């Protein structure tokens, strides 16, 4: 019922161990902020308040939040690509994964923070770069991450993941 009402998204568990993959449900990113859930702007507002209070950079605050977020993630067996994809989807970025010659890129087809990112892209985008860096640092410190920022009204920002050694598993 919740899936049919587009309140939750259903996906199969990315499983590397024997057994049937479980169905996993997450809130549909389009309803975040409704029905008593924390919305994308609440997340950014809390992190911006932390920036002002602590006098640290947006990227540093984001990185700490990303590390905390990965500690709260239940399935640490998933690879870095799957967790980043899920995280970006959950926030409403609608990522599209693109394999490159030297790694993976996520092209962000939507900016869920378009209004505030249009006013202060440096802060908002650095928060999110830091969040992703915190996630990656905890999952696989041998992966380098970069962000190419585009106009938030047009979307298309690009998160680039490059392995420092070896290769990234595909998902």
Foldseek 3Di string as FASTA:
>chain_A
DCVVVQQKDWDWDPDDDDDGTDIDIDGQLVQAVPPPHHALVNVLVVLVVVCVVVVDALLQSLLVVLLVVLVVDDDLVDALVVVVCVVCRNNPQPWDWDADPFAIKTFRQADPCLVVCQVPVPNVVSSNQSNSNNNCCVNPVQKDWDWADDRNVRGGIMITIGGNDDYGDDD
